[in-house]
Structure formats: C-alpha cells, structure tokens
C-alpha cells in the first residue's frame, strides 16, 4: 500500500487518514495513547486478579455506573375474584 498523504498534516488529521486506510503511518501520539489505554486496562485486570487470589478482601467494588441497579418487576394487582393475575 502506498502512502496517499504527500503533504504535511496535523497529528489529528494523520490519525484520521490512518483510520480511513489512506496511510499506513499513524502519528506517534496515536500509538502512545492506544498503548497507554491498553496498559491501564491490563493493570486494572491484574490488580483485580491479584486481589481475588489473595482472598477477595481487597476486591474493588463495581462502580455504580457499570451496571444498572436491579429492580424486580412490579407484581400485578389482585383481580376482583381474589386471584393474582391480570384480568382479561
């Protein structure tokens, strides 16, 4: 694949052209940011696994934004004949 970008561009545009497949050379900051995000994720996974292996006392709680709080479905009101259910 030949590089379709033959002029100087800002890193933001170079990264955009890289994602579009117009060049095979991303900016240095593109690679560094992706690597840092991956390393941060791997470090969090490692820390969680170590805490689980040590007995679970140090397991960090889940953040409330990661999962919606469970609410049981509402029960239908009793029907007029005393049985639970939805009258038809």
PDB file of N, CA and C in Angstrom:
ATOM      1  N   UNK A   1       0.853  -1.177   0.000  1.00  0.00           N
ATOM      2  CA  UNK A   1       0.000   0.000   0.000  1.00  0.00           C
ATOM      3  C   UNK A   1       0.895   1.235   0.000  1.00  0.00           C
ATOM      4  N   UNK A   2       0.640   2.115  -0.883  1.00  0.00           N
ATOM      5  CA  UNK A   2       1.417   3.351  -0.914  1.00  0.00           C
ATOM      6  C   UNK A   2       0.739   4.400  -0.038  1.00  0.00           C
ATOM      7  N   UNK A   3       1.541   5.312   0.454  1.00  0.00           N
ATOM      8  CA  UNK A   3       1.027   6.378   1.304  1.00  0.00           C
ATOM      9  C   UNK A   3       0.353   7.425   0.424  1.00  0.00           C
ATOM     10  N   UNK A   4      -0.944   7.653   0.656  1.00  0.00           N
ATOM     11  CA  UNK A   4      -1.700   8.604  -0.154  1.00  0.00           C
ATOM     12  C   UNK A   4      -1.593  10.031   0.351  1.00  0.00           C
ATOM     13  N   UNK A   5      -0.883  10.237   1.456  1.00  0.00           N
ATOM     14  CA  UNK A   5      -0.725  11.572   2.024  1.00  0.00           C
ATOM     15  C   UNK A   5       0.672  12.065   1.656  1.00  0.00           C
ATOM     16  N   UNK A   6       0.744  13.049   0.784  1.00  0.00           N
ATOM     17  CA  UNK A   6       2.055  13.540   0.331  1.00  0.00           C
ATOM     18  C   UNK A   6       2.301  14.985   0.758  1.00  0.00           C
ATOM     19  N   UNK A   7       1.665  15.403   1.857  1.00  0.00           N
ATOM     20  CA  UNK A   7       1.855  16.758   2.364  1.00  0.00           C
ATOM     21  C   UNK A   7       1.798  16.700   3.884  1.00  0.00           C
ATOM     22  N   UNK A   8       2.349  17.687   4.529  1.00  0.00           N
ATOM     23  CA  UNK A   8       2.373  17.721   5.989  1.00  0.00           C
ATOM     24  C   UNK A   8       0.971  17.987   6.542  1.00  0.00           C
ATOM     25  N   UNK A   9       0.583  17.226   7.528  1.00  0.00           N
ATOM     26  CA  UNK A   9      -0.721  17.399   8.168  1.00  0.00           C
ATOM     27  C   UNK A   9      -0.530  17.331   9.681  1.00  0.00           C
ATOM     28  N   UNK A  10      -1.512  17.835  10.399  1.00  0.00           N
ATOM     29  CA  UNK A  10      -1.505  17.762  11.858  1.00  0.00           C
ATOM     30  C   UNK A  10      -1.715  16.312  12.284  1.00  0.00           C
ATOM     31  N   UNK A  11      -1.316  15.996  13.516  1.00  0.00           N
ATOM     32  CA  UNK A  11      -1.444  14.631  14.023  1.00  0.00           C
ATOM     33  C   UNK A  11      -2.887  14.140  14.006  1.00  0.00           C
ATOM     34  N   UNK A  12      -3.822  15.037  14.290  1.00  0.00           N
ATOM     35  CA  UNK A  12      -5.238  14.651  14.293  1.00  0.00           C
ATOM     36  C   UNK A  12      -5.662  14.175  12.906  1.00  0.00           C
ATOM     37  N   UNK A  13      -5.262  14.916  11.875  1.00  0.00           N
ATOM     38  CA  UNK A  13      -5.611  14.523  10.512  1.00  0.00           C
ATOM     39  C   UNK A  13      -4.862  13.270  10.096  1.00  0.00           C
ATOM     40  N   UNK A  14      -3.613  13.137  10.500  1.00  0.00           N
ATOM     41  CA  UNK A  14      -2.846  11.936  10.158  1.00  0.00           C
ATOM     42  C   UNK A  14      -3.526  10.701  10.761  1.00  0.00           C
ATOM     43  N   UNK A  15      -3.990  10.831  11.995  1.00  0.00           N
ATOM     44  CA  UNK A  15      -4.684   9.712  12.637  1.00  0.00           C
ATOM     45  C   UNK A  15      -5.993   9.390  11.919  1.00  0.00           C
ATOM     46  N   UNK A  16      -6.705  10.430  11.498  1.00  0.00           N
ATOM     47  CA  UNK A  16      -7.945  10.216  10.741  1.00  0.00           C
ATOM     48  C   UNK A  16      -7.654   9.496   9.431  1.00  0.00           C
ATOM     49  N   UNK A  17      -6.635   9.947   8.707  1.00  0.00           N
ATOM     50  CA  UNK A  17      -6.263   9.292   7.445  1.00  0.00           C
ATOM     51  C   UNK A  17      -5.806   7.857   7.685  1.00  0.00           C
ATOM     52  N   UNK A  18      -5.147   7.602   8.823  1.00  0.00           N
ATOM     53  CA  UNK A  18      -4.716   6.245   9.164  1.00  0.00           C
ATOM     54  C   UNK A  18      -5.929   5.344   9.391  1.00  0.00           C
ATOM     55  N   UNK A  19      -6.921   5.855  10.125  1.00  0.00           N
ATOM     56  CA  UNK A  19      -8.124   5.062  10.381  1.00  0.00           C
ATOM     57  C   UNK A  19      -8.946   4.837   9.117  1.00  0.00           C
ATOM     58  N   UNK A  20      -8.860   5.747   8.158  1.00  0.00           N
ATOM     59  CA  UNK A  20      -9.570   5.600   6.885  1.00  0.00           C
ATOM     60  C   UNK A  20      -8.803   4.703   5.905  1.00  0.00           C
ATOM     61  N   UNK A  21      -7.563   4.351   6.246  1.00  0.00           N
ATOM     62  CA  UNK A  21      -6.767   3.489   5.385  1.00  0.00           C
ATOM     63  C   UNK A  21      -6.002   4.222   4.300  1.00  0.00           C
ATOM     64  N   UNK A  22      -5.882   5.534   4.422  1.00  0.00           N
ATOM     65  CA  UNK A  22      -5.195   6.312   3.392  1.00  0.00           C
ATOM     66  C   UNK A  22      -3.690   6.380   3.619  1.00  0.00           C
ATOM     67  N   UNK A  23      -3.240   6.022   4.820  1.00  0.00           N
ATOM     68  CA  UNK A  23      -1.812   5.979   5.115  1.00  0.00           C
ATOM     69  C   UNK A  23      -1.566   4.838   6.090  1.00  0.00           C
ATOM     70  N   UNK A  24      -0.376   4.322   6.059  1.00  0.00           N
ATOM     71  CA  UNK A  24      -0.041   3.246   6.987  1.00  0.00           C
ATOM     72  C   UNK A  24       0.807   3.744   8.153  1.00  0.00           C
ATOM     73  N   UNK A  25       0.925   5.060   8.281  1.00  0.00           N
ATOM     74  CA  UNK A  25       1.755   5.658   9.308  1.00  0.00           C
ATOM     75  C   UNK A  25       0.931   6.561  10.227  1.00  0.00           C
ATOM     76  N   UNK A  26       0.498   6.059  11.401  1.00  0.00           N
ATOM     77  CA  UNK A  26      -0.212   6.933  12.340  1.00  0.00           C
ATOM     78  C   UNK A  26       0.770   7.865  13.037  1.00  0.00           C
ATOM     79  N   UNK A  27       0.232   8.872  13.700  1.00  0.00           N
ATOM     80  CA  UNK A  27       1.098   9.797  14.440  1.00  0.00           C
ATOM     81  C   UNK A  27       1.646   9.096  15.679  1.00  0.00           C
ATOM     82  N   UNK A  28       2.759   9.562  16.204  1.00  0.00           N
ATOM     83  CA  UNK A  28       3.303   8.954  17.429  1.00  0.00           C
ATOM     84  C   UNK A  28       2.347   9.028  18.615  1.00  0.00           C
ATOM     85  N   UNK A  29       1.582  10.101  18.714  1.00  0.00           N
ATOM     86  CA  UNK A  29       0.648  10.216  19.835  1.00  0.00           C
ATOM     87  C   UNK A  29      -0.499   9.215  19.712  1.00  0.00           C
ATOM     88  N   UNK A  30      -0.895   8.837  18.511  1.00  0.00           N
ATOM     89  CA  UNK A  30      -1.965   7.860  18.296  1.00  0.00           C
ATOM     90  C   UNK A  30      -1.567   6.524  18.895  1.00  0.00           C
ATOM     91  N   UNK A  31      -0.360   6.091  18.578  1.00  0.00           N
ATOM     92  CA  UNK A  31       0.116   4.813  19.081  1.00  0.00           C
ATOM     93  C   UNK A  31       0.305   4.883  20.597  1.00  0.00           C
ATOM     94  N   UNK A  32       0.881   5.960  21.096  1.00  0.00           N
ATOM     95  CA  UNK A  32       1.141   6.091  22.524  1.00  0.00           C
ATOM     96  C   UNK A  32      -0.168   6.101  23.320  1.00  0.00           C
ATOM     97  N   UNK A  33      -1.190   6.790  22.839  1.00  0.00           N
ATOM     98  CA  UNK A  33      -2.469   6.846  23.552  1.00  0.00           C
ATOM     99  C   UNK A  33      -3.143   5.484  23.581  1.00  0.00           C
ATOM    100  N   UNK A  34      -3.103   4.766  22.465  1.00  0.00           N
ATOM    101  CA  UNK A  34      -3.701   3.427  22.428  1.00  0.00           C
ATOM    102  C   UNK A  34      -2.953   2.482  23.360  1.00  0.00           C
ATOM    103  N   UNK A  35      -1.623   2.554  23.346  1.00  0.00           N
ATOM    104  CA  UNK A  35      -0.828   1.690  24.217  1.00  0.00           C
ATOM    105  C   UNK A  35      -1.071   2.011  25.681  1.00  0.00           C
ATOM    106  N   UNK A  36      -1.172   3.299  26.024  1.00  0.00           N
ATOM    107  CA  UNK A  36      -1.397   3.677  27.413  1.00  0.00           C
ATOM    108  C   UNK A  36      -2.765   3.191  27.887  1.00  0.00           C
ATOM    109  N   UNK A  37      -3.783   3.313  27.065  1.00  0.00           N
ATOM    110  CA  UNK A  37      -5.116   2.844  27.444  1.00  0.00           C
ATOM    111  C   UNK A  37      -5.111   1.331  27.656  1.00  0.00           C
ATOM    112  N   UNK A  38      -4.421   0.611  26.782  1.00  0.00           N
ATOM    113  CA  UNK A  38      -4.339  -0.841  26.923  1.00  0.00           C
ATOM    114  C   UNK A  38      -3.578  -1.216  28.189  1.00  0.00           C
ATOM    115  N   UNK A  39      -2.478  -0.545  28.466  1.00  0.00           N
ATOM    116  CA  UNK A  39      -1.698  -0.836  29.667  1.00  0.00           C
ATOM    117  C   UNK A  39      -2.488  -0.533  30.938  1.00  0.00           C
ATOM    118  N   UNK A  40      -3.263   0.548  30.938  1.00  0.00           N
ATOM    119  CA  UNK A  40      -4.092   0.877  32.096  1.00  0.00           C
ATOM    120  C   UNK A  40      -5.148  -0.202  32.336  1.00  0.00           C
ATOM    121  N   UNK A  41      -5.769  -0.680  31.264  1.00  0.00           N
ATOM    122  CA  UNK A  41      -6.777  -1.733  31.379  1.00  0.00           C
ATOM    123  C   UNK A  41      -6.150  -3.029  31.891  1.00  0.00           C
ATOM    124  N   UNK A  42      -5.006  -3.393  31.343  1.00  0.00           N
ATOM    125  CA  UNK A  42      -4.332  -4.609  31.782  1.00  0.00           C
ATOM    126  C   UNK A  42      -3.896  -4.517  33.242  1.00  0.00           C
ATOM    127  N   UNK A  43      -3.450  -3.345  33.681  1.00  0.00           N
ATOM    128  CA  UNK A  43      -3.057  -3.159  35.083  1.00  0.00           C
ATOM    129  C   UNK A  43      -4.265  -3.321  36.006  1.00  0.00           C
ATOM    130  N   UNK A  44      -5.413  -2.800  35.614  1.00  0.00           N
ATOM    131  CA  UNK A  44      -6.623  -2.948  36.426  1.00  0.00           C
ATOM    132  C   UNK A  44      -7.039  -4.410  36.511  1.00  0.00           C
ATOM    133  N   UNK A  45      -6.937  -5.139  35.410  1.00  0.00           N
ATOM    134  CA  UNK A  45      -7.269  -6.565  35.412  1.00  0.00           C
ATOM    135  C   UNK A  45      -6.305  -7.323  36.309  1.00  0.00           C
ATOM    136  N   UNK A  46      -5.009  -7.014  36.204  1.00  0.00           N
ATOM    137  CA  UNK A  46      -4.012  -7.675  37.040  1.00  0.00           C
ATOM    138  C   UNK A  46      -4.285  -7.427  38.513  1.00  0.00           C
ATOM    139  N   UNK A  47      -4.577  -6.183  38.881  1.00  0.00           N
ATOM    140  CA  UNK A  47      -4.845  -5.854  40.278  1.00  0.00           C
ATOM    141  C   UNK A  47      -6.066  -6.599  40.804  1.00  0.00           C
ATOM    142  N   UNK A  48      -7.100  -6.696  39.997  1.00  0.00           N
ATOM    143  CA  UNK A  48      -8.308  -7.405  40.407  1.00  0.00           C
ATOM    144  C   UNK A  48      -8.032  -8.892  40.588  1.00  0.00           C
ATOM    145  N   UNK A  49      -7.297  -9.490  39.655  1.00  0.00           N
ATOM    146  CA  UNK A  49      -6.967 -10.909  39.774  1.00  0.00           C
ATOM    147  C   UNK A  49      -6.099 -11.181  41.003  1.00  0.00           C
ATOM    148  N   UNK A  50      -5.136 -10.323  41.283  1.00  0.00           N
ATOM    149  CA  UNK A  50      -4.302 -10.499  42.466  1.00  0.00           C
ATOM    150  C   UNK A  50      -5.150 -10.416  43.736  1.00  0.00           C
ATOM    151  N   UNK A  51      -6.095  -9.491  43.764  1.00  0.00           N
ATOM    152  CA  UNK A  51      -6.962  -9.358  44.931  1.00  0.00           C
ATOM    153  C   UNK A  51      -7.829 -10.607  45.103  1.00  0.00           C
ATOM    154  N   UNK A  52      -8.311 -11.178  44.017  1.00  0.00           N
ATOM    155  CA  UNK A  52      -9.117 -12.391  44.098  1.00  0.00           C
ATOM    156  C   UNK A  52      -8.288 -13.568  44.600  1.00  0.00           C
ATOM    157  N   UNK A  53      -7.054 -13.671  44.141  1.00  0.00           N
ATOM    158  CA  UNK A  53      -6.186 -14.768  44.567  1.00  0.00           C
ATOM    159  C   UNK A  53      -5.788 -14.650  46.027  1.00  0.00           C
ATOM    160  N   UNK A  54      -5.740 -13.440  46.564  1.00  0.00           N
ATOM    161  CA  UNK A  54      -5.360 -13.231  47.956  1.00  0.00           C
ATOM    162  C   UNK A  54      -6.524 -13.445  48.920  1.00  0.00           C
ATOM    163  N   UNK A  55      -7.684 -13.690  48.445  1.00  0.00           N
ATOM    164  CA  UNK A  55      -8.813 -13.957  49.325  1.00  0.00           C
ATOM    165  C   UNK A  55     -10.012 -13.082  49.089  1.00  0.00           C
ATOM    166  N   UNK A  56      -9.928 -12.143  48.233  1.00  0.00           N
ATOM    167  CA  UNK A  56     -11.082 -11.351  47.866  1.00  0.00           C
ATOM    168  C   UNK A  56     -11.367 -10.162  48.758  1.00  0.00           C
ATOM    169  N   UNK A  57     -10.621  -9.990  49.841  1.00  0.00           N
ATOM    170  CA  UNK A  57     -10.915  -8.863  50.724  1.00  0.00           C
ATOM    171  C   UNK A  57     -10.616  -7.529  50.064  1.00  0.00           C
ATOM    172  N   UNK A  58      -9.653  -7.515  49.161  1.00  0.00           N
ATOM    173  CA  UNK A  58      -9.267  -6.264  48.533  1.00  0.00           C
ATOM    174  C   UNK A  58      -9.881  -6.042  47.166  1.00  0.00           C
ATOM    175  N   UNK A  59     -10.914  -6.790  46.835  1.00  0.00           N
ATOM    176  CA  UNK A  59     -11.534  -6.639  45.528  1.00  0.00           C
ATOM    177  C   UNK A  59     -12.261  -5.305  45.483  1.00  0.00           C
ATOM    178  N   UNK A  60     -11.929  -4.476  44.510  1.00  0.00           N
ATOM    179  CA  UNK A  60     -12.611  -3.176  44.444  1.00  0.00           C
ATOM    180  C   UNK A  60     -14.081  -3.366  44.073  1.00  0.00           C
ATOM    181  N   UNK A  61     -14.972  -2.594  44.685  1.00  0.00           N
ATOM    182  CA  UNK A  61     -16.392  -2.728  44.339  1.00  0.00           C
ATOM    183  C   UNK A  61     -16.651  -2.217  42.928  1.00  0.00           C
ATOM    184  N   UNK A  62     -17.664  -2.762  42.331  1.00  0.00           N
ATOM    185  CA  UNK A  62     -18.037  -2.288  40.999  1.00  0.00           C
ATOM    186  C   UNK A  62     -18.559  -0.877  41.090  1.00  0.00           C
ATOM    187  N   UNK A  63     -18.259  -0.113  40.075  1.00  0.00           N
ATOM    188  CA  UNK A  63     -18.791   1.241  40.058  1.00  0.00           C
ATOM    189  C   UNK A  63     -20.275   1.178  39.731  1.00  0.00           C
ATOM    190  N   UNK A  64     -21.025   2.090  40.285  1.00  0.00           N
ATOM    191  CA  UNK A  64     -22.468   2.062  40.081  1.00  0.00           C
ATOM    192  C   UNK A  64     -22.836   2.350  38.630  1.00  0.00           C
ATOM    193  N   UNK A  65     -21.941   3.006  37.901  1.00  0.00           N
ATOM    194  CA  UNK A  65     -22.267   3.330  36.519  1.00  0.00           C
ATOM    195  C   UNK A  65     -22.039   2.152  35.585  1.00  0.00           C
ATOM    196  N   UNK A  66     -21.323   1.100  36.056  1.00  0.00           N
ATOM    197  CA  UNK A  66     -21.036  -0.011  35.164  1.00  0.00           C
ATOM    198  C   UNK A  66     -22.245  -0.920  34.987  1.00  0.00           C
ATOM    199  N   UNK A  67     -23.172  -0.875  35.910  1.00  0.00           N
ATOM    200  CA  UNK A  67     -24.307  -1.779  35.818  1.00  0.00           C
ATOM    201  C   UNK A  67     -25.536  -1.124  36.442  1.00  0.00           C
ATOM    202  N   UNK A  68     -26.651  -1.280  35.790  1.00  0.00           N
ATOM    203  CA  UNK A  68     -27.889  -0.715  36.327  1.00  0.00           C
ATOM    204  C   UNK A  68     -28.327  -1.504  37.548  1.00  0.00           C
ATOM    205  N   UNK A  69     -28.912  -0.825  38.509  1.00  0.00           N
ATOM    206  CA  UNK A  69     -29.367  -1.478  39.718  1.00  0.00           C
ATOM    207  C   UNK A  69     -30.600  -2.320  39.403  1.00  0.00           C
ATOM    208  N   UNK A  70     -30.654  -3.531  39.959  1.00  0.00           N
ATOM    209  CA  UNK A  70     -31.763  -4.443  39.697  1.00  0.00           C
ATOM    210  C   UNK A  70     -33.014  -3.985  40.431  1.00  0.00           C
ATOM    211  N   UNK A  71     -34.109  -3.952  39.699  1.00  0.00           N
ATOM    212  CA  UNK A  71     -35.409  -3.682  40.294  1.00  0.00           C
ATOM    213  C   UNK A  71     -36.326  -4.816  39.882  1.00  0.00           C
ATOM    214  N   UNK A  72     -36.964  -5.501  40.838  1.00  0.00           N
ATOM    215  CA  UNK A  72     -37.855  -6.593  40.455  1.00  0.00           C
ATOM    216  C   UNK A  72     -39.060  -6.047  39.699  1.00  0.00           C
ATOM    217  N   UNK A  73     -39.608  -6.859  38.819  1.00  0.00           N
ATOM    218  CA  UNK A  73     -40.773  -6.381  38.067  1.00  0.00           C
ATOM    219  C   UNK A  73     -41.955  -6.168  39.015  1.00  0.00           C
ATOM    220  N   UNK A  74     -42.795  -5.210  38.700  1.00  0.00           N
ATOM    221  CA  UNK A  74     -43.942  -4.959  39.574  1.00  0.00           C
ATOM    222  C   UNK A  74     -44.918  -6.130  39.506  1.00  0.00           C
ATOM    223  N   UNK A  75     -45.488  -6.465  40.647  1.00  0.00           N
ATOM    224  CA  UNK A  75     -46.472  -7.550  40.644  1.00  0.00           C
ATOM    225  C   UNK A  75     -47.828  -6.962  40.257  1.00  0.00           C
ATOM    226  N   UNK A  76     -48.595  -7.713  39.483  1.00  0.00           N
ATOM    227  CA  UNK A  76     -49.907  -7.186  39.074  1.00  0.00           C
ATOM    228  C   UNK A  76     -50.854  -7.149  40.273  1.00  0.00           C
ATOM    229  N   UNK A  77     -51.781  -6.236  40.274  1.00  0.00           N
ATOM    230  CA  UNK A  77     -52.737  -6.152  41.390  1.00  0.00           C
ATOM    231  C   UNK A  77     -53.665  -7.366  41.378  1.00  0.00           C
ATOM    232  N   UNK A  78     -54.185  -7.717  42.543  1.00  0.00           N
ATOM    233  CA  UNK A  78     -55.113  -8.858  42.561  1.00  0.00           C
ATOM    234  C   UNK A  78     -56.375  -8.539  41.758  1.00  0.00           C
ATOM    235  N   UNK A  79     -56.870  -9.573  41.136  1.00  0.00           N
ATOM    236  CA  UNK A  79     -58.093  -9.367  40.354  1.00  0.00           C
ATOM    237  C   UNK A  79     -59.297  -9.332  41.295  1.00  0.00           C
ATOM    238  N   UNK A  80     -60.461  -9.084  40.757  1.00  0.00           N
ATOM    239  CA  UNK A  80     -61.658  -8.918  41.583  1.00  0.00           C
ATOM    240  C   UNK A  80     -62.100 -10.246  42.222  1.00  0.00           C
ATOM    241  N   UNK A  81     -61.694 -11.383  41.673  1.00  0.00           N
ATOM    242  CA  UNK A  81     -62.114 -12.655  42.257  1.00  0.00           C
ATOM    243  C   UNK A  81     -61.095 -13.166  43.290  1.00  0.00           C
ATOM    244  N   UNK A  82     -60.120 -12.355  43.656  1.00  0.00           N
ATOM    245  CA  UNK A  82     -59.177 -12.715  44.695  1.00  0.00           C
ATOM    246  C   UNK A  82     -57.935 -13.427  44.209  1.00  0.00           C
ATOM    247  N   UNK A  83     -57.877 -13.799  42.938  1.00  0.00           N
ATOM    248  CA  UNK A  83     -56.710 -14.466  42.402  1.00  0.00           C
ATOM    249  C   UNK A  83     -55.746 -13.435  41.839  1.00  0.00           C
ATOM    250  N   UNK A  84     -54.458 -13.747  41.972  1.00  0.00           N
ATOM    251  CA  UNK A  84     -53.466 -12.825  41.407  1.00  0.00           C
ATOM    252  C   UNK A  84     -53.443 -13.015  39.899  1.00  0.00           C
ATOM    253  N   UNK A  85     -53.311 -11.937  39.217  1.00  0.00           N
ATOM    254  CA  UNK A  85     -53.230 -12.017  37.771  1.00  0.00           C
ATOM    255  C   UNK A  85     -53.804 -10.778  37.149  1.00  0.00           C
ATOM    256  N   UNK A  86     -53.666 -10.715  35.876  1.00  0.00           N
ATOM    257  CA  UNK A  86     -54.175  -9.578  35.137  1.00  0.00           C
ATOM    258  C   UNK A  86     -55.530  -9.971  34.559  1.00  0.00           C
ATOM    259  N   UNK A  87     -56.560  -9.235  34.895  1.00  0.00           N
ATOM    260  CA  UNK A  87     -57.888  -9.589  34.362  1.00  0.00           C
ATOM    261  C   UNK A  87     -57.916  -9.399  32.844  1.00  0.00           C
ATOM    262  N   UNK A  88     -58.564 -10.320  32.195  1.00  0.00           N
ATOM    263  CA  UNK A  88     -58.691 -10.244  30.733  1.00  0.00           C
ATOM    264  C   UNK A  88     -59.981  -9.655  30.305  1.00  0.00           C
TER     265      UNK A  88
END
